[in-house]
Amino acid sequence: MPSSTNHDTTRPLDAAELERATIDWLRTELEDPEISASDNFLDIGGHSLAFARLNRFLADSFAVNLDMKVAYDEPLSTAVAKAQPVQSHA
C-alpha cells in the first residue's frame, strides 16, 4: 500500500499538491502509471475498497476526504477540488 506523507496541517492545503498526491497514490494502488486527473475513478478500475483506502490516505496525509458520489461520477480533478476536511469526532 502506498505510504502516507503526513502533511503538515498547520499550513494551508495546496490544491495542486493534494491532486498530485492523489494521482500518485492511485497510480501505485491500481498499478497504472497512465492515470491522470482527467480520469474517472470507476473508469480506471477504482472500487469501494480502493476508495476507502484512498480516503484513509487522504485523511492521514492531508486531513481531507473525498465524497464517494463525486469521485464515482466526476473526473478525479473535480473530486479532489471538492475534498472536504475530515470531521473530528472529539
N, C-alpha and C. Protein backbone atom coordinates (compact mmCIF):
# COMPACT_ATOMS: atom_id res chain seq x y z
N MET A 1 0.85 -1.18 0.00
CA MET A 1 0.00 0.00 0.00
C MET A 1 0.89 1.24 0.00
N PRO A 2 0.54 2.28 -0.76
CA PRO A 2 1.33 3.50 -0.78
C PRO A 2 1.44 4.12 0.60
N SER A 3 2.55 4.75 0.85
CA SER A 3 2.78 5.31 2.18
C SER A 3 2.15 6.69 2.33
N SER A 4 1.98 7.08 3.57
CA SER A 4 1.43 8.37 3.93
C SER A 4 2.56 9.39 3.99
N THR A 5 2.24 10.65 3.65
CA THR A 5 3.24 11.69 3.72
C THR A 5 3.09 12.55 4.96
N ASN A 6 2.03 12.35 5.73
CA ASN A 6 1.78 13.13 6.94
C ASN A 6 1.93 14.62 6.69
N HIS A 7 1.06 15.13 5.86
CA HIS A 7 1.00 16.55 5.50
C HIS A 7 0.92 17.41 6.75
N ASP A 8 1.62 18.51 6.76
CA ASP A 8 1.58 19.46 7.87
C ASP A 8 0.27 20.23 7.80
N THR A 9 -0.67 19.89 8.67
CA THR A 9 -2.00 20.51 8.63
C THR A 9 -2.00 21.92 9.20
N THR A 10 -0.84 22.43 9.66
CA THR A 10 -0.80 23.80 10.17
C THR A 10 -0.64 24.81 9.04
N ARG A 11 -0.27 24.35 7.86
CA ARG A 11 -0.17 25.28 6.72
C ARG A 11 -1.34 25.05 5.78
N PRO A 12 -1.68 26.05 4.98
CA PRO A 12 -2.82 25.90 4.06
C PRO A 12 -2.61 24.73 3.10
N LEU A 13 -3.69 24.06 2.79
CA LEU A 13 -3.64 22.93 1.87
C LEU A 13 -3.41 23.44 0.45
N ASP A 14 -2.42 22.91 -0.21
CA ASP A 14 -2.12 23.26 -1.59
C ASP A 14 -2.90 22.31 -2.49
N ALA A 15 -3.81 22.85 -3.29
CA ALA A 15 -4.68 22.03 -4.14
C ALA A 15 -3.88 21.20 -5.13
N ALA A 16 -2.83 21.79 -5.71
CA ALA A 16 -2.01 21.04 -6.67
C ALA A 16 -1.28 19.89 -5.99
N GLU A 17 -0.80 20.12 -4.77
CA GLU A 17 -0.13 19.07 -4.01
C GLU A 17 -1.10 17.93 -3.69
N LEU A 18 -2.31 18.28 -3.30
CA LEU A 18 -3.33 17.28 -2.99
C LEU A 18 -3.67 16.46 -4.23
N GLU A 19 -3.87 17.13 -5.35
CA GLU A 19 -4.18 16.42 -6.59
C GLU A 19 -3.03 15.50 -6.99
N ARG A 20 -1.82 16.01 -6.94
CA ARG A 20 -0.64 15.23 -7.31
C ARG A 20 -0.50 13.99 -6.41
N ALA A 21 -0.68 14.16 -5.11
CA ALA A 21 -0.56 13.04 -4.18
C ALA A 21 -1.66 12.01 -4.42
N THR A 22 -2.86 12.48 -4.73
CA THR A 22 -3.98 11.56 -5.01
C THR A 22 -3.69 10.74 -6.26
N ILE A 23 -3.26 11.40 -7.32
CA ILE A 23 -2.96 10.70 -8.58
C ILE A 23 -1.81 9.72 -8.38
N ASP A 24 -0.76 10.15 -7.70
CA ASP A 24 0.37 9.26 -7.45
C ASP A 24 -0.06 8.03 -6.64
N TRP A 25 -0.89 8.25 -5.63
CA TRP A 25 -1.38 7.14 -4.80
C TRP A 25 -2.18 6.16 -5.65
N LEU A 26 -3.06 6.69 -6.48
CA LEU A 26 -3.88 5.82 -7.33
C LEU A 26 -3.03 5.06 -8.35
N ARG A 27 -2.04 5.71 -8.92
CA ARG A 27 -1.15 5.03 -9.87
C ARG A 27 -0.48 3.82 -9.22
N THR A 28 -0.05 4.00 -7.98
CA THR A 28 0.59 2.91 -7.25
C THR A 28 -0.43 1.85 -6.85
N GLU A 29 -1.51 2.26 -6.23
CA GLU A 29 -2.53 1.33 -5.73
C GLU A 29 -3.13 0.49 -6.86
N LEU A 30 -3.44 1.13 -7.98
CA LEU A 30 -4.10 0.44 -9.09
C LEU A 30 -3.11 -0.07 -10.14
N GLU A 31 -1.82 0.15 -9.88
CA GLU A 31 -0.75 -0.31 -10.77
C GLU A 31 -0.97 0.14 -12.21
N ASP A 32 -1.22 1.45 -12.36
CA ASP A 32 -1.45 2.03 -13.68
C ASP A 32 -0.79 3.40 -13.75
N PRO A 33 0.40 3.49 -14.35
CA PRO A 33 1.12 4.76 -14.42
C PRO A 33 0.48 5.80 -15.33
N GLU A 34 -0.55 5.41 -16.07
CA GLU A 34 -1.19 6.33 -17.02
C GLU A 34 -2.34 7.12 -16.42
N ILE A 35 -2.70 6.87 -15.17
CA ILE A 35 -3.82 7.57 -14.54
C ILE A 35 -3.53 9.07 -14.51
N SER A 36 -4.55 9.87 -14.85
CA SER A 36 -4.40 11.33 -14.84
C SER A 36 -5.59 11.96 -14.13
N ALA A 37 -5.48 13.25 -13.88
CA ALA A 37 -6.53 13.98 -13.17
C ALA A 37 -7.83 14.04 -13.96
N SER A 38 -7.77 13.85 -15.26
CA SER A 38 -8.99 13.89 -16.07
C SER A 38 -9.74 12.56 -16.08
N ASP A 39 -9.14 11.52 -15.50
CA ASP A 39 -9.78 10.21 -15.45
C ASP A 39 -10.87 10.17 -14.38
N ASN A 40 -11.79 9.26 -14.58
CA ASN A 40 -12.85 8.99 -13.61
C ASN A 40 -12.42 7.80 -12.75
N PHE A 41 -12.69 7.87 -11.45
CA PHE A 41 -12.28 6.83 -10.51
C PHE A 41 -12.74 5.44 -10.94
N LEU A 42 -13.99 5.30 -11.31
CA LEU A 42 -14.50 3.98 -11.70
C LEU A 42 -13.91 3.51 -13.02
N ASP A 43 -13.71 4.44 -13.95
CA ASP A 43 -13.17 4.08 -15.26
C ASP A 43 -11.74 3.56 -15.20
N ILE A 44 -10.99 3.94 -14.16
CA ILE A 44 -9.61 3.48 -14.02
C ILE A 44 -9.51 2.19 -13.21
N GLY A 45 -10.66 1.62 -12.88
CA GLY A 45 -10.66 0.37 -12.12
C GLY A 45 -10.83 0.55 -10.63
N GLY A 46 -11.20 1.77 -10.23
CA GLY A 46 -11.45 2.02 -8.81
C GLY A 46 -12.66 1.24 -8.33
N HIS A 47 -12.66 0.90 -7.06
CA HIS A 47 -13.76 0.15 -6.44
C HIS A 47 -13.88 0.61 -4.99
N SER A 48 -14.88 0.12 -4.29
CA SER A 48 -15.17 0.63 -2.95
C SER A 48 -14.00 0.44 -1.98
N LEU A 49 -13.30 -0.67 -2.05
CA LEU A 49 -12.17 -0.89 -1.14
C LEU A 49 -11.03 0.08 -1.45
N ALA A 50 -10.75 0.29 -2.73
CA ALA A 50 -9.71 1.26 -3.11
C ALA A 50 -10.12 2.66 -2.68
N PHE A 51 -11.41 2.98 -2.78
CA PHE A 51 -11.88 4.29 -2.36
C PHE A 51 -11.68 4.47 -0.85
N ALA A 52 -12.00 3.45 -0.08
CA ALA A 52 -11.81 3.52 1.38
C ALA A 52 -10.33 3.71 1.71
N ARG A 53 -9.46 2.99 1.03
CA ARG A 53 -8.01 3.14 1.26
C ARG A 53 -7.53 4.53 0.86
N LEU A 54 -8.03 5.03 -0.26
CA LEU A 54 -7.66 6.38 -0.70
C LEU A 54 -8.09 7.41 0.33
N ASN A 55 -9.31 7.30 0.82
CA ASN A 55 -9.77 8.27 1.81
C ASN A 55 -8.97 8.17 3.11
N ARG A 56 -8.54 6.99 3.50
CA ARG A 56 -7.69 6.84 4.69
C ARG A 56 -6.36 7.55 4.46
N PHE A 57 -5.78 7.34 3.29
CA PHE A 57 -4.53 8.01 2.94
C PHE A 57 -4.71 9.54 2.98
N LEU A 58 -5.78 10.04 2.37
CA LEU A 58 -6.01 11.48 2.34
C LEU A 58 -6.29 12.04 3.73
N ALA A 59 -7.02 11.30 4.55
CA ALA A 59 -7.30 11.75 5.92
C ALA A 59 -6.00 11.81 6.73
N ASP A 60 -5.20 10.77 6.62
CA ASP A 60 -3.94 10.72 7.37
C ASP A 60 -2.92 11.74 6.88
N SER A 61 -2.88 11.97 5.59
CA SER A 61 -1.86 12.83 5.00
C SER A 61 -2.25 14.29 4.88
N PHE A 62 -3.55 14.56 4.64
CA PHE A 62 -3.99 15.92 4.36
C PHE A 62 -5.19 16.37 5.18
N ALA A 63 -5.73 15.48 6.01
CA ALA A 63 -6.91 15.78 6.83
C ALA A 63 -8.12 16.15 5.98
N VAL A 64 -8.27 15.49 4.82
CA VAL A 64 -9.44 15.67 3.97
C VAL A 64 -9.95 14.31 3.51
N ASN A 65 -11.18 14.29 3.05
CA ASN A 65 -11.79 13.11 2.44
C ASN A 65 -12.49 13.52 1.16
N LEU A 66 -12.61 12.56 0.25
CA LEU A 66 -13.37 12.76 -0.97
C LEU A 66 -14.79 12.25 -0.76
N ASP A 67 -15.73 12.86 -1.47
CA ASP A 67 -17.11 12.41 -1.48
C ASP A 67 -17.21 11.26 -2.50
N MET A 68 -17.78 10.14 -2.07
CA MET A 68 -17.84 8.96 -2.94
C MET A 68 -18.62 9.24 -4.22
N LYS A 69 -19.77 9.88 -4.12
CA LYS A 69 -20.59 10.14 -5.31
C LYS A 69 -19.83 11.01 -6.31
N VAL A 70 -19.19 12.05 -5.82
CA VAL A 70 -18.41 12.92 -6.71
C VAL A 70 -17.27 12.14 -7.35
N ALA A 71 -16.56 11.35 -6.55
CA ALA A 71 -15.44 10.57 -7.08
C ALA A 71 -15.89 9.55 -8.11
N TYR A 72 -17.07 8.99 -7.91
CA TYR A 72 -17.58 7.98 -8.85
C TYR A 72 -18.15 8.61 -10.12
N ASP A 73 -18.65 9.85 -10.03
CA ASP A 73 -19.35 10.47 -11.16
C ASP A 73 -18.53 11.49 -11.94
N GLU A 74 -17.49 12.05 -11.34
CA GLU A 74 -16.76 13.16 -11.95
C GLU A 74 -15.30 12.78 -12.19
N PRO A 75 -14.57 13.60 -12.95
CA PRO A 75 -13.12 13.38 -13.09
C PRO A 75 -12.43 13.51 -11.73
N LEU A 76 -11.29 12.88 -11.59
CA LEU A 76 -10.54 12.94 -10.34
C LEU A 76 -10.24 14.38 -9.93
N SER A 77 -9.94 15.24 -10.89
CA SER A 77 -9.63 16.64 -10.57
C SER A 77 -10.80 17.31 -9.86
N THR A 78 -12.02 17.03 -10.29
CA THR A 78 -13.21 17.60 -9.65
C THR A 78 -13.39 17.02 -8.26
N ALA A 79 -13.22 15.71 -8.12
CA ALA A 79 -13.37 15.08 -6.81
C ALA A 79 -12.37 15.65 -5.81
N VAL A 80 -11.13 15.84 -6.25
CA VAL A 80 -10.10 16.39 -5.36
C VAL A 80 -10.42 17.85 -5.02
N ALA A 81 -10.87 18.61 -6.01
CA ALA A 81 -11.20 20.02 -5.77
C ALA A 81 -12.33 20.17 -4.76
N LYS A 82 -13.20 19.17 -4.67
CA LYS A 82 -14.33 19.21 -3.74
C LYS A 82 -14.05 18.44 -2.44
N ALA A 83 -12.79 18.10 -2.18
CA ALA A 83 -12.43 17.40 -0.95
C ALA A 83 -12.87 18.21 0.27
N GLN A 84 -13.33 17.51 1.28
CA GLN A 84 -13.82 18.15 2.50
C GLN A 84 -12.90 17.83 3.68
N PRO A 85 -12.76 18.77 4.61
CA PRO A 85 -11.96 18.49 5.81
C PRO A 85 -12.54 17.30 6.58
N VAL A 86 -11.66 16.51 7.16
CA VAL A 86 -12.08 15.39 7.99
C VAL A 86 -12.79 15.95 9.22
N GLN A 87 -13.94 15.37 9.53
CA GLN A 87 -14.70 15.80 10.70
C GLN A 87 -14.13 15.17 11.95
N SER A 88 -13.89 15.98 12.96
CA SER A 88 -13.39 15.49 14.23
C SER A 88 -14.53 14.85 15.01
N HIS A 89 -14.25 13.71 15.63
CA HIS A 89 -15.26 13.02 16.43
C HIS A 89 -15.03 13.24 17.92
N ALA A 90 -14.26 14.24 18.26
CA ALA A 90 -13.95 14.52 19.67
C ALA A 90 -15.05 15.30 20.33
